[in-house]
Amino acid sequence: NHDSHLLAAIKSARNVVLPLRFVIDTAENEATMKVSGWLRMNSVDLHTSPDNQKGSVKSSVALSGKLRNESITARRVIQPFHDLSTKAGALGHINLIPDDDNIVRTIPLIIRFKERDFPSFALQVSRKYFGIRLQNLKPADNGLKLRHVHIPTDSFYRMFINFDKQQESIQRYSFSDVFNGSIPANAFKNKIVLLGVTASGMSPRYKTTLHSNLSEIEIAATAIENLINNKHIARPTWAIVL
């Protein structure tokens, strides 16, 4: 019973983050869909935060509201099956939204669904790494604040990804080598470990500012590396005027 083994392992670890995927554009009517208790536990409401309200007023005065924080809104959600969701340490979305030229430059750290704000997979993994509660995620001037960590974003909570030399610091292992015991277990000790498909033809591939063929999990790994090491690309507030 492989499902039971997987559920038991996820429950005992308590730090496993599982993926969600949102459907951003759809003609379907999802008005009757309810947010489950487990989805609600993995979301916040940044729009009603006092910090966000103060920031919105400040931005509105400065640039006629153009810098007010808004969220990318989804119409539908695809989540792990119920038993996995209830055992996971956190759930985070894995949506990527390329720019008009089909190049991925940013990662949406927040997607809004049913009046709730859902963190990305990369943000949830980083939060678990720091040992910070989701309730400590707050809007901040020009970004998000995760307790002591400031994350610069644009007005839609998209973080620019710094791909510069990050791929060199991310080690890759074949699952078959791990499964066969070729990789020592201590290779993963005290490390963030991401499991994902990278084989060409089996997962979506994306162009980035420095790469022409990256998988979703490799982009997530780079975003996490940026977040935990505070390696960010930021635009000043006056950039929109320029």
C-alpha atoms as a PDB file:
ATOM      1  CA  ASN A   1       0.000   0.000   0.000  1.00  0.00           C
ATOM      2  CA  HIS A   2       2.221   2.800  -1.295  1.00  0.00           C
ATOM      3  CA  ASP A   3      -0.302   5.523  -0.478  1.00  0.00           C
ATOM      4  CA  SER A   4      -0.278   4.611   3.206  1.00  0.00           C
ATOM      5  CA  HIS A   5       3.533   4.680   3.299  1.00  0.00           C
ATOM      6  CA  LEU A   6       3.567   8.100   1.634  1.00  0.00           C
ATOM      7  CA  LEU A   7       0.921   9.502   3.982  1.00  0.00           C
ATOM      8  CA  ALA A   8       2.775   8.181   7.035  1.00  0.00           C
ATOM      9  CA  ALA A   9       6.077   9.675   5.847  1.00  0.00           C
ATOM     10  CA  ILE A  10       4.539  13.096   5.162  1.00  0.00           C
ATOM     11  CA  LYS A  11       2.735  13.103   8.509  1.00  0.00           C
ATOM     12  CA  SER A  12       5.867  12.166  10.496  1.00  0.00           C
ATOM     13  CA  ALA A  13       8.082  14.698   8.689  1.00  0.00           C
ATOM     14  CA  ARG A  14       5.725  17.629   9.385  1.00  0.00           C
ATOM     15  CA  ASN A  15       7.733  19.887   7.059  1.00  0.00           C
ATOM     16  CA  VAL A  16       6.625  18.640   3.631  1.00  0.00           C
ATOM     17  CA  VAL A  17       5.240  21.310   1.293  1.00  0.00           C
ATOM     18  CA  LEU A  18       2.892  20.058  -1.422  1.00  0.00           C
ATOM     19  CA  PRO A  19       1.873  21.903  -4.595  1.00  0.00           C
ATOM     20  CA  LEU A  20      -1.337  23.582  -5.669  1.00  0.00           C
ATOM     21  CA  ARG A  21      -2.043  24.840  -9.160  1.00  0.00           C
ATOM     22  CA  PHE A  22      -4.493  27.630  -9.889  1.00  0.00           C
ATOM     23  CA  VAL A  23      -6.382  28.199 -13.109  1.00  0.00           C
ATOM     24  CA  ILE A  24      -5.997  31.911 -13.748  1.00  0.00           C
ATOM     25  CA  ASP A  25      -8.201  32.359 -16.830  1.00  0.00           C
ATOM     26  CA  THR A  26     -11.328  30.282 -17.254  1.00  0.00           C
ATOM     27  CA  ALA A  27     -14.848  30.806 -18.510  1.00  0.00           C
ATOM     28  CA  GLU A  28     -16.213  28.306 -16.014  1.00  0.00           C
ATOM     29  CA  ASN A  29     -18.421  29.545 -13.214  1.00  0.00           C
ATOM     30  CA  GLU A  30     -16.722  28.603  -9.956  1.00  0.00           C
ATOM     31  CA  ALA A  31     -18.941  30.753  -7.743  1.00  0.00           C
ATOM     32  CA  THR A  32     -20.272  27.742  -5.865  1.00  0.00           C
ATOM     33  CA  MET A  33     -16.850  26.275  -5.087  1.00  0.00           C
ATOM     34  CA  LYS A  34     -15.976  26.574  -1.415  1.00  0.00           C
ATOM     35  CA  VAL A  35     -12.530  26.962   0.112  1.00  0.00           C
ATOM     36  CA  SER A  36     -11.836  23.901   2.236  1.00  0.00           C
ATOM     37  CA  GLY A  37     -10.547  24.199   5.771  1.00  0.00           C
ATOM     38  CA  TRP A  38      -7.102  23.010   4.694  1.00  0.00           C
ATOM     39  CA  LEU A  39      -6.936  25.550   1.907  1.00  0.00           C
ATOM     40  CA  ARG A  40      -7.976  28.319   4.301  1.00  0.00           C
ATOM     41  CA  MET A  41      -5.249  27.267   6.755  1.00  0.00           C
ATOM     42  CA  ASN A  42      -2.696  27.772   3.977  1.00  0.00           C
ATOM     43  CA  SER A  43      -3.859  31.252   3.066  1.00  0.00           C
ATOM     44  CA  VAL A  44      -4.063  34.745   4.518  1.00  0.00           C
ATOM     45  CA  ASP A  45      -5.989  37.910   3.718  1.00  0.00           C
ATOM     46  CA  LEU A  46      -3.464  40.602   2.885  1.00  0.00           C
ATOM     47  CA  HIS A  47      -6.117  43.012   1.629  1.00  0.00           C
ATOM     48  CA  THR A  48      -7.626  43.545   5.080  1.00  0.00           C
ATOM     49  CA  SER A  49      -4.256  43.887   6.801  1.00  0.00           C
ATOM     50  CA  PRO A  50      -3.761  47.279   8.486  1.00  0.00           C
ATOM     51  CA  ASP A  51      -0.238  47.365   6.981  1.00  0.00           C
ATOM     52  CA  ASN A  52      -1.672  47.009   3.490  1.00  0.00           C
ATOM     53  CA  GLN A  53      -4.282  49.694   4.058  1.00  0.00           C
ATOM     54  CA  LYS A  54      -1.629  52.155   5.228  1.00  0.00           C
ATOM     55  CA  GLY A  55       0.596  51.269   2.271  1.00  0.00           C
ATOM     56  CA  SER A  56      -2.281  51.724  -0.166  1.00  0.00           C
ATOM     57  CA  VAL A  57      -3.032  55.200   1.115  1.00  0.00           C
ATOM     58  CA  LYS A  58       0.639  56.160   0.865  1.00  0.00           C
ATOM     59  CA  SER A  59       0.921  54.810  -2.673  1.00  0.00           C
ATOM     60  CA  SER A  60      -2.338  56.431  -3.704  1.00  0.00           C
ATOM     61  CA  VAL A  61      -1.110  59.813  -2.584  1.00  0.00           C
ATOM     62  CA  ALA A  62       2.276  59.350  -4.245  1.00  0.00           C
ATOM     63  CA  LEU A  63       1.292  57.985  -7.644  1.00  0.00           C
ATOM     64  CA  SER A  64      -2.477  58.157  -7.997  1.00  0.00           C
ATOM     65  CA  GLY A  65      -2.939  54.574  -6.857  1.00  0.00           C
ATOM     66  CA  LYS A  66      -0.674  52.967  -9.451  1.00  0.00           C
ATOM     67  CA  LEU A  67       1.474  51.274  -6.810  1.00  0.00           C
ATOM     68  CA  ARG A  68      -1.314  49.956  -4.641  1.00  0.00           C
ATOM     69  CA  ASN A  69      -0.928  46.270  -3.926  1.00  0.00           C
ATOM     70  CA  GLU A  70      -3.201  44.060  -5.996  1.00  0.00           C
ATOM     71  CA  SER A  71      -3.217  40.304  -6.429  1.00  0.00           C
ATOM     72  CA  ILE A  72      -3.348  38.019  -9.418  1.00  0.00           C
ATOM     73  CA  THR A  73      -6.787  36.407  -9.142  1.00  0.00           C
ATOM     74  CA  ALA A  74      -7.539  32.753  -9.888  1.00  0.00           C
ATOM     75  CA  ARG A  75     -10.847  31.161 -10.837  1.00  0.00           C
ATOM     76  CA  ARG A  76     -10.189  27.552  -9.917  1.00  0.00           C
ATOM     77  CA  VAL A  77      -7.730  25.492  -7.873  1.00  0.00           C
ATOM     78  CA  ILE A  78      -6.247  22.027  -8.383  1.00  0.00           C
ATOM     79  CA  GLN A  79      -4.930  20.592  -5.125  1.00  0.00           C
ATOM     80  CA  PRO A  80      -3.503  17.294  -3.830  1.00  0.00           C
ATOM     81  CA  PHE A  81      -6.113  14.764  -2.798  1.00  0.00           C
ATOM     82  CA  HIS A  82      -7.643  15.318   0.627  1.00  0.00           C
ATOM     83  CA  ASP A  83      -5.635  12.831   2.687  1.00  0.00           C
ATOM     84  CA  LEU A  84      -2.332  14.254   1.415  1.00  0.00           C
ATOM     85  CA  SER A  85      -3.452  17.837   1.978  1.00  0.00           C
ATOM     86  CA  THR A  86      -4.372  17.209   5.597  1.00  0.00           C
ATOM     87  CA  LYS A  87      -1.000  15.582   6.371  1.00  0.00           C
ATOM     88  CA  ALA A  88       1.202  18.173   4.659  1.00  0.00           C
ATOM     89  CA  GLY A  89       3.122  20.810   6.567  1.00  0.00           C
ATOM     90  CA  ALA A  90       2.036  23.424   4.020  1.00  0.00           C
ATOM     91  CA  LEU A  91       0.504  23.876   0.579  1.00  0.00           C
ATOM     92  CA  GLY A  92       1.793  26.366  -2.006  1.00  0.00           C
ATOM     93  CA  HIS A  93       0.926  27.182  -5.592  1.00  0.00           C
ATOM     94  CA  ILE A  94       3.352  26.441  -8.430  1.00  0.00           C
ATOM     95  CA  ASN A  95       1.947  28.796 -11.072  1.00  0.00           C
ATOM     96  CA  LEU A  96       4.390  30.556 -13.380  1.00  0.00           C
ATOM     97  CA  ILE A  97       3.276  33.434 -15.590  1.00  0.00           C
ATOM     98  CA  PRO A  98       5.713  34.303 -18.405  1.00  0.00           C
ATOM     99  CA  ASP A  99       5.890  37.851 -19.733  1.00  0.00           C
ATOM    100  CA  ASP A 100       4.466  38.764 -23.137  1.00  0.00           C
ATOM    101  CA  ASP A 101       7.691  37.608 -24.808  1.00  0.00           C
ATOM    102  CA  ASN A 102       7.320  34.153 -23.115  1.00  0.00           C
ATOM    103  CA  ILE A 103      10.276  34.739 -20.802  1.00  0.00           C
ATOM    104  CA  VAL A 104       9.912  34.015 -17.089  1.00  0.00           C
ATOM    105  CA  ARG A 105      11.378  36.917 -15.124  1.00  0.00           C
ATOM    106  CA  THR A 106       9.179  36.837 -12.035  1.00  0.00           C
ATOM    107  CA  ILE A 107       7.390  34.397  -9.784  1.00  0.00           C
ATOM    108  CA  PRO A 108       3.970  35.298  -8.354  1.00  0.00           C
ATOM    109  CA  LEU A 109       4.425  34.985  -4.586  1.00  0.00           C
ATOM    110  CA  ILE A 110       0.699  35.521  -3.977  1.00  0.00           C
ATOM    111  CA  ILE A 111      -2.394  34.440  -5.907  1.00  0.00           C
ATOM    112  CA  ARG A 112      -5.839  35.475  -4.686  1.00  0.00           C
ATOM    113  CA  PHE A 113      -8.695  32.975  -4.729  1.00  0.00           C
ATOM    114  CA  LYS A 114     -12.108  33.319  -3.085  1.00  0.00           C
ATOM    115  CA  GLU A 115     -11.070  36.417  -1.137  1.00  0.00           C
ATOM    116  CA  ARG A 116      -8.000  34.637   0.267  1.00  0.00           C
ATOM    117  CA  ASP A 117      -4.315  35.106  -0.596  1.00  0.00           C
ATOM    118  CA  PHE A 118      -2.316  31.937  -1.261  1.00  0.00           C
ATOM    119  CA  PRO A 119       1.512  31.903  -1.035  1.00  0.00           C
ATOM    120  CA  SER A 120       3.600  30.252  -3.710  1.00  0.00           C
ATOM    121  CA  PHE A 121       5.361  26.935  -3.208  1.00  0.00           C
ATOM    122  CA  ALA A 122       8.724  28.737  -3.067  1.00  0.00           C
ATOM    123  CA  LEU A 123       7.468  31.150  -0.406  1.00  0.00           C
ATOM    124  CA  GLN A 124       5.974  28.340   1.695  1.00  0.00           C
ATOM    125  CA  VAL A 125       9.190  26.284   1.526  1.00  0.00           C
ATOM    126  CA  SER A 126      11.229  29.338   2.558  1.00  0.00           C
ATOM    127  CA  ARG A 127       8.808  30.106   5.373  1.00  0.00           C
ATOM    128  CA  LYS A 128       9.094  26.554   6.724  1.00  0.00           C
ATOM    129  CA  TYR A 129      12.893  26.775   6.435  1.00  0.00           C
ATOM    130  CA  PHE A 130      12.911  29.930   8.575  1.00  0.00           C
ATOM    131  CA  GLY A 131      10.376  28.452  11.016  1.00  0.00           C
ATOM    132  CA  ILE A 132       7.988  31.381  10.558  1.00  0.00           C
ATOM    133  CA  ARG A 133       4.217  31.096  10.903  1.00  0.00           C
ATOM    134  CA  LEU A 134       2.093  31.999   7.904  1.00  0.00           C
ATOM    135  CA  GLN A 135       0.307  34.619  10.012  1.00  0.00           C
ATOM    136  CA  ASN A 136       3.603  36.550  10.073  1.00  0.00           C
ATOM    137  CA  LEU A 137       3.348  37.175   6.326  1.00  0.00           C
ATOM    138  CA  LYS A 138       2.366  40.827   5.896  1.00  0.00           C
ATOM    139  CA  PRO A 139       2.270  43.409   3.097  1.00  0.00           C
ATOM    140  CA  ALA A 140       5.117  45.899   3.184  1.00  0.00           C
ATOM    141  CA  ASP A 141       6.275  48.917   1.235  1.00  0.00           C
ATOM    142  CA  ASN A 142       7.239  47.625  -2.212  1.00  0.00           C
ATOM    143  CA  GLY A 143       6.787  43.982  -1.304  1.00  0.00           C
ATOM    144  CA  LEU A 144       6.110  41.498   1.456  1.00  0.00           C
ATOM    145  CA  LYS A 145       7.394  41.098   4.975  1.00  0.00           C
ATOM    146  CA  LEU A 146       7.955  37.638   6.453  1.00  0.00           C
ATOM    147  CA  ARG A 147       8.700  38.618  10.038  1.00  0.00           C
ATOM    148  CA  HIS A 148      12.351  39.753   9.753  1.00  0.00           C
ATOM    149  CA  VAL A 149      12.642  39.096   6.004  1.00  0.00           C
ATOM    150  CA  HIS A 150      11.732  41.808   3.491  1.00  0.00           C
ATOM    151  CA  ILE A 151      10.906  40.539  -0.007  1.00  0.00           C
ATOM    152  CA  PRO A 152      10.789  43.181  -2.764  1.00  0.00           C
ATOM    153  CA  THR A 153       7.985  42.629  -5.305  1.00  0.00           C
ATOM    154  CA  ASP A 154       6.022  44.582  -7.861  1.00  0.00           C
ATOM    155  CA  SER A 155       2.480  45.777  -7.150  1.00  0.00           C
ATOM    156  CA  PHE A 156       1.089  42.315  -7.988  1.00  0.00           C
ATOM    157  CA  TYR A 157       3.350  40.570  -5.454  1.00  0.00           C
ATOM    158  CA  ARG A 158       5.581  39.191  -8.200  1.00  0.00           C
ATOM    159  CA  MET A 159       9.228  38.719  -7.212  1.00  0.00           C
ATOM    160  CA  PHE A 160      11.928  39.169  -9.823  1.00  0.00           C
ATOM    161  CA  ILE A 161      14.062  36.015  -9.980  1.00  0.00           C
ATOM    162  CA  ASN A 162      17.821  36.445  -9.806  1.00  0.00           C
ATOM    163  CA  PHE A 163      19.125  33.668 -12.058  1.00  0.00           C
ATOM    164  CA  ASP A 164      22.714  34.946 -11.977  1.00  0.00           C
ATOM    165  CA  LYS A 165      24.961  31.985 -11.063  1.00  0.00           C
ATOM    166  CA  GLN A 166      22.278  30.498  -8.778  1.00  0.00           C
ATOM    167  CA  GLN A 167      22.109  27.295 -10.811  1.00  0.00           C
ATOM    168  CA  GLU A 168      25.719  26.524  -9.887  1.00  0.00           C
ATOM    169  CA  SER A 169      24.838  26.319  -6.170  1.00  0.00           C
ATOM    170  CA  ILE A 170      21.859  23.991  -6.665  1.00  0.00           C
ATOM    171  CA  GLN A 171      22.859  20.330  -6.677  1.00  0.00           C
ATOM    172  CA  ARG A 172      20.894  17.812  -8.726  1.00  0.00           C
ATOM    173  CA  TYR A 173      20.456  14.098  -8.109  1.00  0.00           C
ATOM    174  CA  SER A 174      18.733  11.483 -10.201  1.00  0.00           C
ATOM    175  CA  PHE A 175      15.864   9.857  -8.333  1.00  0.00           C
ATOM    176  CA  SER A 176      16.986   6.442  -9.567  1.00  0.00           C
ATOM    177  CA  ASP A 177      20.440   6.992  -7.996  1.00  0.00           C
ATOM    178  CA  VAL A 178      18.832   7.954  -4.678  1.00  0.00           C
ATOM    179  CA  PHE A 179      16.442   5.005  -4.837  1.00  0.00           C
ATOM    180  CA  ASN A 180      19.264   2.561  -5.590  1.00  0.00           C
ATOM    181  CA  GLY A 181      21.393   3.868  -2.712  1.00  0.00           C
ATOM    182  CA  SER A 182      24.099   5.430  -4.871  1.00  0.00           C
ATOM    183  CA  ILE A 183      23.718   8.778  -3.081  1.00  0.00           C
ATOM    184  CA  PRO A 184      24.694   8.903   0.630  1.00  0.00           C
ATOM    185  CA  ALA A 185      21.794   9.853   2.892  1.00  0.00           C
ATOM    186  CA  ASN A 186      23.762  12.672   4.526  1.00  0.00           C
ATOM    187  CA  ALA A 187      23.790  14.501   1.176  1.00  0.00           C
ATOM    188  CA  PHE A 188      20.316  15.735   2.100  1.00  0.00           C
ATOM    189  CA  LYS A 189      20.824  16.363   5.811  1.00  0.00           C
ATOM    190  CA  ASN A 190      19.706  19.846   6.908  1.00  0.00           C
ATOM    191  CA  LYS A 191      18.997  20.748   3.282  1.00  0.00           C
ATOM    192  CA  ILE A 192      15.907  21.832   1.413  1.00  0.00           C
ATOM    193  CA  VAL A 193      15.073  18.950  -0.931  1.00  0.00           C
ATOM    194  CA  LEU A 194      12.750  19.447  -3.904  1.00  0.00           C
ATOM    195  CA  LEU A 195      11.235  16.544  -5.798  1.00  0.00           C
ATOM    196  CA  GLY A 196      10.216  17.187  -9.383  1.00  0.00           C
ATOM    197  CA  VAL A 197      10.342  16.049 -12.981  1.00  0.00           C
ATOM    198  CA  THR A 198      13.070  17.638 -15.116  1.00  0.00           C
ATOM    199  CA  ALA A 199      13.192  15.261 -18.089  1.00  0.00           C
ATOM    200  CA  SER A 200      12.521  16.984 -21.394  1.00  0.00           C
ATOM    201  CA  GLY A 201       9.090  16.139 -22.777  1.00  0.00           C
ATOM    202  CA  MET A 202       7.694  15.181 -19.357  1.00  0.00           C
ATOM    203  CA  SER A 203       7.347  18.623 -17.799  1.00  0.00           C
ATOM    204  CA  PRO A 204       6.743  22.174 -19.054  1.00  0.00           C
ATOM    205  CA  ARG A 205       9.885  24.040 -20.056  1.00  0.00           C
ATOM    206  CA  TYR A 206      10.423  27.784 -19.758  1.00  0.00           C
ATOM    207  CA  LYS A 207      12.741  30.437 -21.095  1.00  0.00           C
ATOM    208  CA  THR A 208      14.321  32.703 -18.497  1.00  0.00           C
ATOM    209  CA  THR A 209      16.658  35.684 -18.662  1.00  0.00           C
ATOM    210  CA  LEU A 210      19.683  33.353 -18.731  1.00  0.00           C
ATOM    211  CA  HIS A 211      18.329  29.954 -19.770  1.00  0.00           C
ATOM    212  CA  SER A 212      16.322  28.624 -22.678  1.00  0.00           C
ATOM    213  CA  ASN A 213      15.022  25.359 -21.234  1.00  0.00           C
ATOM    214  CA  LEU A 214      14.308  25.246 -17.478  1.00  0.00           C
ATOM    215  CA  SER A 215      11.734  23.084 -15.722  1.00  0.00           C
ATOM    216  CA  GLU A 216       9.268  24.333 -13.125  1.00  0.00           C
ATOM    217  CA  ILE A 217      11.159  22.701 -10.266  1.00  0.00           C
ATOM    218  CA  GLU A 218      14.467  24.303 -11.327  1.00  0.00           C
ATOM    219  CA  ILE A 219      12.840  27.739 -11.394  1.00  0.00           C
ATOM    220  CA  ALA A 220      11.296  27.065  -7.971  1.00  0.00           C
ATOM    221  CA  ALA A 221      14.709  26.043  -6.636  1.00  0.00           C
ATOM    222  CA  THR A 222      16.252  29.295  -7.863  1.00  0.00           C
ATOM    223  CA  ALA A 223      13.434  31.351  -6.331  1.00  0.00           C
ATOM    224  CA  ILE A 224      13.882  29.573  -2.993  1.00  0.00           C
ATOM    225  CA  GLU A 225      17.639  30.170  -3.145  1.00  0.00           C
ATOM    226  CA  ASN A 226      16.923  33.873  -3.667  1.00  0.00           C
ATOM    227  CA  LEU A 227      14.472  33.981  -0.771  1.00  0.00           C
ATOM    228  CA  ILE A 228      16.527  32.210   1.880  1.00  0.00           C
ATOM    229  CA  ASN A 229      19.759  34.030   0.965  1.00  0.00           C
ATOM    230  CA  ASN A 230      18.123  37.447   0.480  1.00  0.00           C
ATOM    231  CA  LYS A 231      19.426  37.759  -3.089  1.00  0.00           C
ATOM    232  CA  HIS A 232      16.883  39.990  -4.751  1.00  0.00           C
ATOM    233  CA  ILE A 233      16.438  42.166  -7.783  1.00  0.00           C
ATOM    234  CA  ALA A 234      14.344  45.193  -6.863  1.00  0.00           C
ATOM    235  CA  ARG A 235      12.884  48.151  -8.729  1.00  0.00           C
ATOM    236  CA  PRO A 236      12.669  51.495  -6.903  1.00  0.00           C
ATOM    237  CA  THR A 237       9.238  53.054  -6.448  1.00  0.00           C
ATOM    238  CA  TRP A 238      10.060  55.830  -8.927  1.00  0.00           C
ATOM    239  CA  ALA A 239      10.728  53.348 -11.763  1.00  0.00           C
ATOM    240  CA  ILE A 240       7.135  53.564 -12.974  1.00  0.00           C
ATOM    241  CA  VAL A 241       7.479  57.335 -13.346  1.00  0.00           C
ATOM    242  CA  LEU A 242      10.712  56.937 -15.259  1.00  0.00           C
END
